[in-house]
């Protein structure tokens, strides 16, 4: 060890690198108190940590980490922006409480048909089979969804099940598979977006 007390050496190292006290102490001990050698050891440790968390090779991890000022958390934030997590699979999204829908083949001219799956409490799911005139879009009707509800061509069939396996079987009755389900935002229907429970 050089004559610099450990706490001052750690402080000096942490001014240059955003590393923990423990990592800096370990590097200084391994380097015999040599700051420049300890600096290199800390950088290697940070690169290894970042590479482990992202799956990157050493060279690529070192470049990305250097660009982020050797700040692993900042580098991870930037990495997540470039590699956003894929959306959860439809059934996983339902289990998280997201309502989903699928558009089915029209049952008649000028009509649209949707399967609307709404998660409830205690692993229950409501399936609404909704048919309405194509003109009743969210864009055109929005809060005036009561016109769609009262229209003679509108049909809403409701079914309740408990658990994903039961929901899967129910959807199969209508030839709907998991891959067909997506966010209701993908569909322009005032009866998918409106709170129509009071009318049912």
C-alpha atoms as a PDB file:
ATOM      1  CA  UNK A   1       0.000   0.000   0.000  1.00  0.00           C
ATOM      2  CA  UNK A   2       1.133   3.549  -0.657  1.00  0.00           C
ATOM      3  CA  UNK A   3       1.047   6.154   2.075  1.00  0.00           C
ATOM      4  CA  UNK A   4      -2.460   7.389   1.107  1.00  0.00           C
ATOM      5  CA  UNK A   5      -5.035   6.253   3.703  1.00  0.00           C
ATOM      6  CA  UNK A   6      -7.612   3.825   2.290  1.00  0.00           C
ATOM      7  CA  UNK A   7     -10.592   6.148   2.830  1.00  0.00           C
ATOM      8  CA  UNK A   8      -8.928   8.953   0.834  1.00  0.00           C
ATOM      9  CA  UNK A   9      -7.914   6.551  -1.922  1.00  0.00           C
ATOM     10  CA  UNK A  10     -11.511   5.260  -2.107  1.00  0.00           C
ATOM     11  CA  UNK A  11     -12.830   8.840  -2.228  1.00  0.00           C
ATOM     12  CA  UNK A  12     -10.378   9.715  -5.006  1.00  0.00           C
ATOM     13  CA  UNK A  13     -11.409   6.632  -6.990  1.00  0.00           C
ATOM     14  CA  UNK A  14     -15.115   7.338  -6.536  1.00  0.00           C
ATOM     15  CA  UNK A  15     -14.632  10.896  -7.833  1.00  0.00           C
ATOM     16  CA  UNK A  16     -13.556   9.361 -11.134  1.00  0.00           C
ATOM     17  CA  UNK A  17     -15.918   6.387 -11.291  1.00  0.00           C
ATOM     18  CA  UNK A  18     -19.511   5.809 -10.085  1.00  0.00           C
ATOM     19  CA  UNK A  19     -18.659   2.623  -8.203  1.00  0.00           C
ATOM     20  CA  UNK A  20     -19.551   1.383  -4.736  1.00  0.00           C
ATOM     21  CA  UNK A  21     -17.195   1.737  -1.781  1.00  0.00           C
ATOM     22  CA  UNK A  22     -16.888  -2.055  -1.611  1.00  0.00           C
ATOM     23  CA  UNK A  23     -15.845  -2.345  -5.278  1.00  0.00           C
ATOM     24  CA  UNK A  24     -13.321   0.490  -4.879  1.00  0.00           C
ATOM     25  CA  UNK A  25     -11.872  -1.001  -1.659  1.00  0.00           C
ATOM     26  CA  UNK A  26     -11.525  -4.420  -3.291  1.00  0.00           C
ATOM     27  CA  UNK A  27      -9.794  -2.906  -6.334  1.00  0.00           C
ATOM     28  CA  UNK A  28      -7.420  -0.843  -4.213  1.00  0.00           C
ATOM     29  CA  UNK A  29      -6.491  -3.867  -2.114  1.00  0.00           C
ATOM     30  CA  UNK A  30      -5.892  -5.944  -5.245  1.00  0.00           C
ATOM     31  CA  UNK A  31      -3.797  -3.115  -6.747  1.00  0.00           C
ATOM     32  CA  UNK A  32      -1.747  -2.614  -3.605  1.00  0.00           C
ATOM     33  CA  UNK A  33      -3.052   0.944  -3.261  1.00  0.00           C
ATOM     34  CA  UNK A  34      -2.039   1.992  -6.794  1.00  0.00           C
ATOM     35  CA  UNK A  35      -4.830   4.376  -7.918  1.00  0.00           C
ATOM     36  CA  UNK A  36      -4.316   3.989 -11.666  1.00  0.00           C
ATOM     37  CA  UNK A  37      -4.236   0.192 -11.429  1.00  0.00           C
ATOM     38  CA  UNK A  38      -7.272   0.221  -9.121  1.00  0.00           C
ATOM     39  CA  UNK A  39      -9.052   2.489 -11.610  1.00  0.00           C
ATOM     40  CA  UNK A  40      -8.528  -0.093 -14.357  1.00  0.00           C
ATOM     41  CA  UNK A  41      -9.764  -2.895 -12.074  1.00  0.00           C
ATOM     42  CA  UNK A  42     -12.929  -0.965 -11.167  1.00  0.00           C
ATOM     43  CA  UNK A  43     -13.616  -0.254 -14.845  1.00  0.00           C
ATOM     44  CA  UNK A  44     -13.202  -3.980 -15.593  1.00  0.00           C
ATOM     45  CA  UNK A  45     -15.651  -4.796 -12.794  1.00  0.00           C
ATOM     46  CA  UNK A  46     -18.217  -2.266 -14.055  1.00  0.00           C
ATOM     47  CA  UNK A  47     -17.880  -3.557 -17.622  1.00  0.00           C
ATOM     48  CA  UNK A  48     -18.349  -7.132 -16.397  1.00  0.00           C
ATOM     49  CA  UNK A  49     -21.470  -6.114 -14.449  1.00  0.00           C
ATOM     50  CA  UNK A  50     -22.953  -4.234 -17.409  1.00  0.00           C
ATOM     51  CA  UNK A  51     -22.085  -7.054 -19.804  1.00  0.00           C
ATOM     52  CA  UNK A  52     -23.700  -9.608 -17.492  1.00  0.00           C
ATOM     53  CA  UNK A  53     -26.908  -7.573 -17.246  1.00  0.00           C
ATOM     54  CA  UNK A  54     -27.197  -6.927 -20.980  1.00  0.00           C
ATOM     55  CA  UNK A  55     -25.617 -10.045 -22.466  1.00  0.00           C
ATOM     56  CA  UNK A  56     -23.077  -7.924 -24.393  1.00  0.00           C
ATOM     57  CA  UNK A  57     -19.516  -8.994 -25.052  1.00  0.00           C
ATOM     58  CA  UNK A  58     -16.658  -7.305 -23.162  1.00  0.00           C
ATOM     59  CA  UNK A  59     -15.589  -4.982 -25.998  1.00  0.00           C
ATOM     60  CA  UNK A  60     -19.125  -3.778 -26.793  1.00  0.00           C
ATOM     61  CA  UNK A  61     -20.001  -3.412 -23.108  1.00  0.00           C
ATOM     62  CA  UNK A  62     -16.821  -1.371 -22.529  1.00  0.00           C
ATOM     63  CA  UNK A  63     -17.672   1.030 -25.386  1.00  0.00           C
ATOM     64  CA  UNK A  64     -21.262   1.550 -24.245  1.00  0.00           C
ATOM     65  CA  UNK A  65     -20.272   1.954 -20.616  1.00  0.00           C
ATOM     66  CA  UNK A  66     -17.560   4.484 -21.462  1.00  0.00           C
ATOM     67  CA  UNK A  67     -20.132   6.485 -23.455  1.00  0.00           C
ATOM     68  CA  UNK A  68     -22.301   6.554 -20.296  1.00  0.00           C
ATOM     69  CA  UNK A  69     -19.424   7.799 -18.122  1.00  0.00           C
ATOM     70  CA  UNK A  70     -18.973   4.309 -16.636  1.00  0.00           C
ATOM     71  CA  UNK A  71     -22.311   4.746 -14.867  1.00  0.00           C
ATOM     72  CA  UNK A  72     -23.899   1.288 -15.067  1.00  0.00           C
ATOM     73  CA  UNK A  73     -27.420   2.484 -14.152  1.00  0.00           C
ATOM     74  CA  UNK A  74     -27.327   5.256 -16.770  1.00  0.00           C
ATOM     75  CA  UNK A  75     -25.972   2.807 -19.345  1.00  0.00           C
ATOM     76  CA  UNK A  76     -28.798   0.376 -18.455  1.00  0.00           C
ATOM     77  CA  UNK A  77     -31.386   3.130 -18.909  1.00  0.00           C
ATOM     78  CA  UNK A  78     -29.989   3.923 -22.371  1.00  0.00           C
ATOM     79  CA  UNK A  79     -29.823   0.213 -23.220  1.00  0.00           C
ATOM     80  CA  UNK A  80     -33.506  -0.277 -22.242  1.00  0.00           C
ATOM     81  CA  UNK A  81     -34.474   2.621 -24.520  1.00  0.00           C
ATOM     82  CA  UNK A  82     -32.775   0.873 -27.417  1.00  0.00           C
ATOM     83  CA  UNK A  83     -34.143  -2.542 -26.425  1.00  0.00           C
ATOM     84  CA  UNK A  84     -37.664  -2.001 -25.039  1.00  0.00           C
ATOM     85  CA  UNK A  85     -39.323  -5.030 -23.531  1.00  0.00           C
ATOM     86  CA  UNK A  86     -41.818  -6.637 -25.870  1.00  0.00           C
ATOM     87  CA  UNK A  87     -45.440  -6.281 -24.787  1.00  0.00           C
ATOM     88  CA  UNK A  88     -46.688  -9.215 -22.743  1.00  0.00           C
ATOM     89  CA  UNK A  89     -48.449 -12.025 -24.570  1.00  0.00           C
ATOM     90  CA  UNK A  90     -52.230 -11.503 -24.631  1.00  0.00           C
ATOM     91  CA  UNK A  91     -53.129 -13.922 -21.836  1.00  0.00           C
ATOM     92  CA  UNK A  92     -50.336 -12.497 -19.664  1.00  0.00           C
ATOM     93  CA  UNK A  93     -51.725  -8.996 -20.339  1.00  0.00           C
ATOM     94  CA  UNK A  94     -55.203 -10.174 -19.296  1.00  0.00           C
ATOM     95  CA  UNK A  95     -53.752 -11.582 -16.072  1.00  0.00           C
ATOM     96  CA  UNK A  96     -52.274  -8.120 -15.423  1.00  0.00           C
ATOM     97  CA  UNK A  97     -55.745  -6.605 -15.771  1.00  0.00           C
ATOM     98  CA  UNK A  98     -55.612  -5.252 -19.336  1.00  0.00           C
ATOM     99  CA  UNK A  99     -58.814  -5.501 -21.391  1.00  0.00           C
ATOM    100  CA  UNK A 100     -58.245  -6.908 -24.889  1.00  0.00           C
ATOM    101  CA  UNK A 101     -60.324  -7.381 -28.021  1.00  0.00           C
ATOM    102  CA  UNK A 102     -60.383  -9.064 -31.401  1.00  0.00           C
ATOM    103  CA  UNK A 103     -62.364  -8.136 -34.503  1.00  0.00           C
ATOM    104  CA  UNK A 104     -64.234 -10.997 -36.119  1.00  0.00           C
ATOM    105  CA  UNK A 105     -65.634 -11.484 -39.575  1.00  0.00           C
ATOM    106  CA  UNK A 106     -68.694  -9.310 -40.138  1.00  0.00           C
ATOM    107  CA  UNK A 107     -72.049 -11.029 -39.717  1.00  0.00           C
ATOM    108  CA  UNK A 108     -73.716  -8.723 -42.221  1.00  0.00           C
ATOM    109  CA  UNK A 109     -73.225  -5.750 -44.514  1.00  0.00           C
ATOM    110  CA  UNK A 110     -72.405  -2.542 -42.656  1.00  0.00           C
ATOM    111  CA  UNK A 111     -71.818  -4.342 -39.351  1.00  0.00           C
ATOM    112  CA  UNK A 112     -68.731  -4.917 -37.207  1.00  0.00           C
ATOM    113  CA  UNK A 113     -68.273  -7.726 -34.697  1.00  0.00           C
ATOM    114  CA  UNK A 114     -65.857  -7.756 -31.751  1.00  0.00           C
ATOM    115  CA  UNK A 115     -64.877 -10.098 -28.961  1.00  0.00           C
ATOM    116  CA  UNK A 116     -64.097  -7.958 -25.903  1.00  0.00           C
ATOM    117  CA  UNK A 117     -62.346  -9.719 -22.997  1.00  0.00           C
ATOM    118  CA  UNK A 118     -62.492  -7.879 -19.668  1.00  0.00           C
ATOM    119  CA  UNK A 119     -60.580  -9.155 -16.610  1.00  0.00           C
ATOM    120  CA  UNK A 120     -62.491  -9.154 -13.337  1.00  0.00           C
ATOM    121  CA  UNK A 121     -61.691 -10.023  -9.745  1.00  0.00           C
ATOM    122  CA  UNK A 122     -60.423 -13.388  -8.523  1.00  0.00           C
ATOM    123  CA  UNK A 123     -59.258 -14.654 -11.925  1.00  0.00           C
ATOM    124  CA  UNK A 124     -62.633 -14.096 -13.618  1.00  0.00           C
ATOM    125  CA  UNK A 125     -63.035 -12.914 -17.194  1.00  0.00           C
ATOM    126  CA  UNK A 126     -66.013 -11.496 -19.038  1.00  0.00           C
ATOM    127  CA  UNK A 127     -66.315 -12.079 -22.763  1.00  0.00           C
ATOM    128  CA  UNK A 128     -68.588  -9.647 -24.586  1.00  0.00           C
ATOM    129  CA  UNK A 129     -69.500 -10.513 -28.141  1.00  0.00           C
ATOM    130  CA  UNK A 130     -70.441  -7.121 -29.568  1.00  0.00           C
ATOM    131  CA  UNK A 131     -72.034  -6.484 -32.941  1.00  0.00           C
ATOM    132  CA  UNK A 132     -72.928  -2.969 -34.066  1.00  0.00           C
ATOM    133  CA  UNK A 133     -73.303  -0.831 -37.169  1.00  0.00           C
ATOM    134  CA  UNK A 134     -69.929   0.215 -38.594  1.00  0.00           C
ATOM    135  CA  UNK A 135     -70.808   3.907 -38.198  1.00  0.00           C
ATOM    136  CA  UNK A 136     -70.603   3.690 -34.383  1.00  0.00           C
ATOM    137  CA  UNK A 137     -66.927   4.486 -34.108  1.00  0.00           C
ATOM    138  CA  UNK A 138     -65.185   5.952 -31.079  1.00  0.00           C
ATOM    139  CA  UNK A 139     -64.052   8.806 -33.320  1.00  0.00           C
ATOM    140  CA  UNK A 140     -67.592   9.769 -34.370  1.00  0.00           C
ATOM    141  CA  UNK A 141     -69.624   8.843 -31.287  1.00  0.00           C
ATOM    142  CA  UNK A 142     -67.239   8.811 -28.315  1.00  0.00           C
ATOM    143  CA  UNK A 143     -69.383   9.641 -25.256  1.00  0.00           C
ATOM    144  CA  UNK A 144     -72.567   9.216 -27.310  1.00  0.00           C
ATOM    145  CA  UNK A 145     -72.229   5.419 -27.207  1.00  0.00           C
ATOM    146  CA  UNK A 146     -75.834   5.213 -25.927  1.00  0.00           C
ATOM    147  CA  UNK A 147     -76.963   5.728 -29.548  1.00  0.00           C
ATOM    148  CA  UNK A 148     -75.073   2.563 -30.460  1.00  0.00           C
ATOM    149  CA  UNK A 149     -76.530   0.652 -27.505  1.00  0.00           C
ATOM    150  CA  UNK A 150     -80.105   1.642 -28.475  1.00  0.00           C
ATOM    151  CA  UNK A 151     -79.634   0.868 -32.185  1.00  0.00           C
ATOM    152  CA  UNK A 152     -81.774  -2.053 -33.415  1.00  0.00           C
ATOM    153  CA  UNK A 153     -78.786  -3.773 -35.034  1.00  0.00           C
ATOM    154  CA  UNK A 154     -76.653  -3.765 -31.888  1.00  0.00           C
ATOM    155  CA  UNK A 155     -76.158  -7.062 -30.076  1.00  0.00           C
ATOM    156  CA  UNK A 156     -74.131  -7.661 -26.893  1.00  0.00           C
ATOM    157  CA  UNK A 157     -73.772 -11.211 -25.605  1.00  0.00           C
ATOM    158  CA  UNK A 158     -72.018 -11.655 -22.244  1.00  0.00           C
ATOM    159  CA  UNK A 159     -70.275 -14.765 -20.900  1.00  0.00           C
ATOM    160  CA  UNK A 160     -68.333 -15.148 -17.644  1.00  0.00           C
ATOM    161  CA  UNK A 161     -65.615 -17.696 -16.920  1.00  0.00           C
ATOM    162  CA  UNK A 162     -62.999 -18.302 -14.239  1.00  0.00           C
ATOM    163  CA  UNK A 163     -59.371 -18.879 -15.179  1.00  0.00           C
ATOM    164  CA  UNK A 164     -57.379 -18.681 -18.402  1.00  0.00           C
ATOM    165  CA  UNK A 165     -58.003 -22.361 -19.358  1.00  0.00           C
ATOM    166  CA  UNK A 166     -61.783 -21.771 -19.244  1.00  0.00           C
ATOM    167  CA  UNK A 167     -61.377 -18.526 -21.179  1.00  0.00           C
ATOM    168  CA  UNK A 168     -59.314 -20.334 -23.818  1.00  0.00           C
ATOM    169  CA  UNK A 169     -62.103 -22.883 -24.318  1.00  0.00           C
ATOM    170  CA  UNK A 170     -64.733 -20.152 -24.480  1.00  0.00           C
ATOM    171  CA  UNK A 171     -62.762 -18.212 -27.102  1.00  0.00           C
ATOM    172  CA  UNK A 172     -62.330 -21.393 -29.140  1.00  0.00           C
ATOM    173  CA  UNK A 173     -66.130 -21.605 -29.430  1.00  0.00           C
ATOM    174  CA  UNK A 174     -65.909 -18.416 -31.487  1.00  0.00           C
ATOM    175  CA  UNK A 175     -62.747 -19.482 -33.374  1.00  0.00           C
ATOM    176  CA  UNK A 176     -60.641 -16.918 -31.490  1.00  0.00           C
ATOM    177  CA  UNK A 177     -57.078 -17.742 -30.487  1.00  0.00           C
ATOM    178  CA  UNK A 178     -54.718 -15.840 -28.225  1.00  0.00           C
ATOM    179  CA  UNK A 179     -52.780 -14.299 -31.123  1.00  0.00           C
ATOM    180  CA  UNK A 180     -55.938 -12.502 -32.347  1.00  0.00           C
ATOM    181  CA  UNK A 181     -56.326 -10.528 -29.100  1.00  0.00           C
ATOM    182  CA  UNK A 182     -54.811  -7.060 -28.846  1.00  0.00           C
ATOM    183  CA  UNK A 183     -55.345  -3.724 -27.108  1.00  0.00           C
ATOM    184  CA  UNK A 184     -58.777  -2.162 -27.545  1.00  0.00           C
ATOM    185  CA  UNK A 185     -56.911   0.934 -28.773  1.00  0.00           C
ATOM    186  CA  UNK A 186     -56.401  -0.933 -32.050  1.00  0.00           C
ATOM    187  CA  UNK A 187     -60.147  -0.701 -32.766  1.00  0.00           C
ATOM    188  CA  UNK A 188     -62.338   2.317 -33.477  1.00  0.00           C
ATOM    189  CA  UNK A 189     -65.541   1.249 -31.713  1.00  0.00           C
ATOM    190  CA  UNK A 190     -67.466   3.329 -29.194  1.00  0.00           C
ATOM    191  CA  UNK A 191     -68.803   0.154 -27.527  1.00  0.00           C
ATOM    192  CA  UNK A 192     -65.301  -1.109 -26.776  1.00  0.00           C
ATOM    193  CA  UNK A 193     -64.176   2.184 -25.297  1.00  0.00           C
ATOM    194  CA  UNK A 194     -67.373   3.340 -23.588  1.00  0.00           C
ATOM    195  CA  UNK A 195     -68.457   2.250 -20.069  1.00  0.00           C
ATOM    196  CA  UNK A 196     -71.562   0.420 -21.290  1.00  0.00           C
ATOM    197  CA  UNK A 197     -72.163  -1.765 -18.196  1.00  0.00           C
ATOM    198  CA  UNK A 198     -75.160   0.299 -17.057  1.00  0.00           C
ATOM    199  CA  UNK A 199     -76.957  -0.473 -20.326  1.00  0.00           C
ATOM    200  CA  UNK A 200     -76.382  -4.222 -20.228  1.00  0.00           C
END
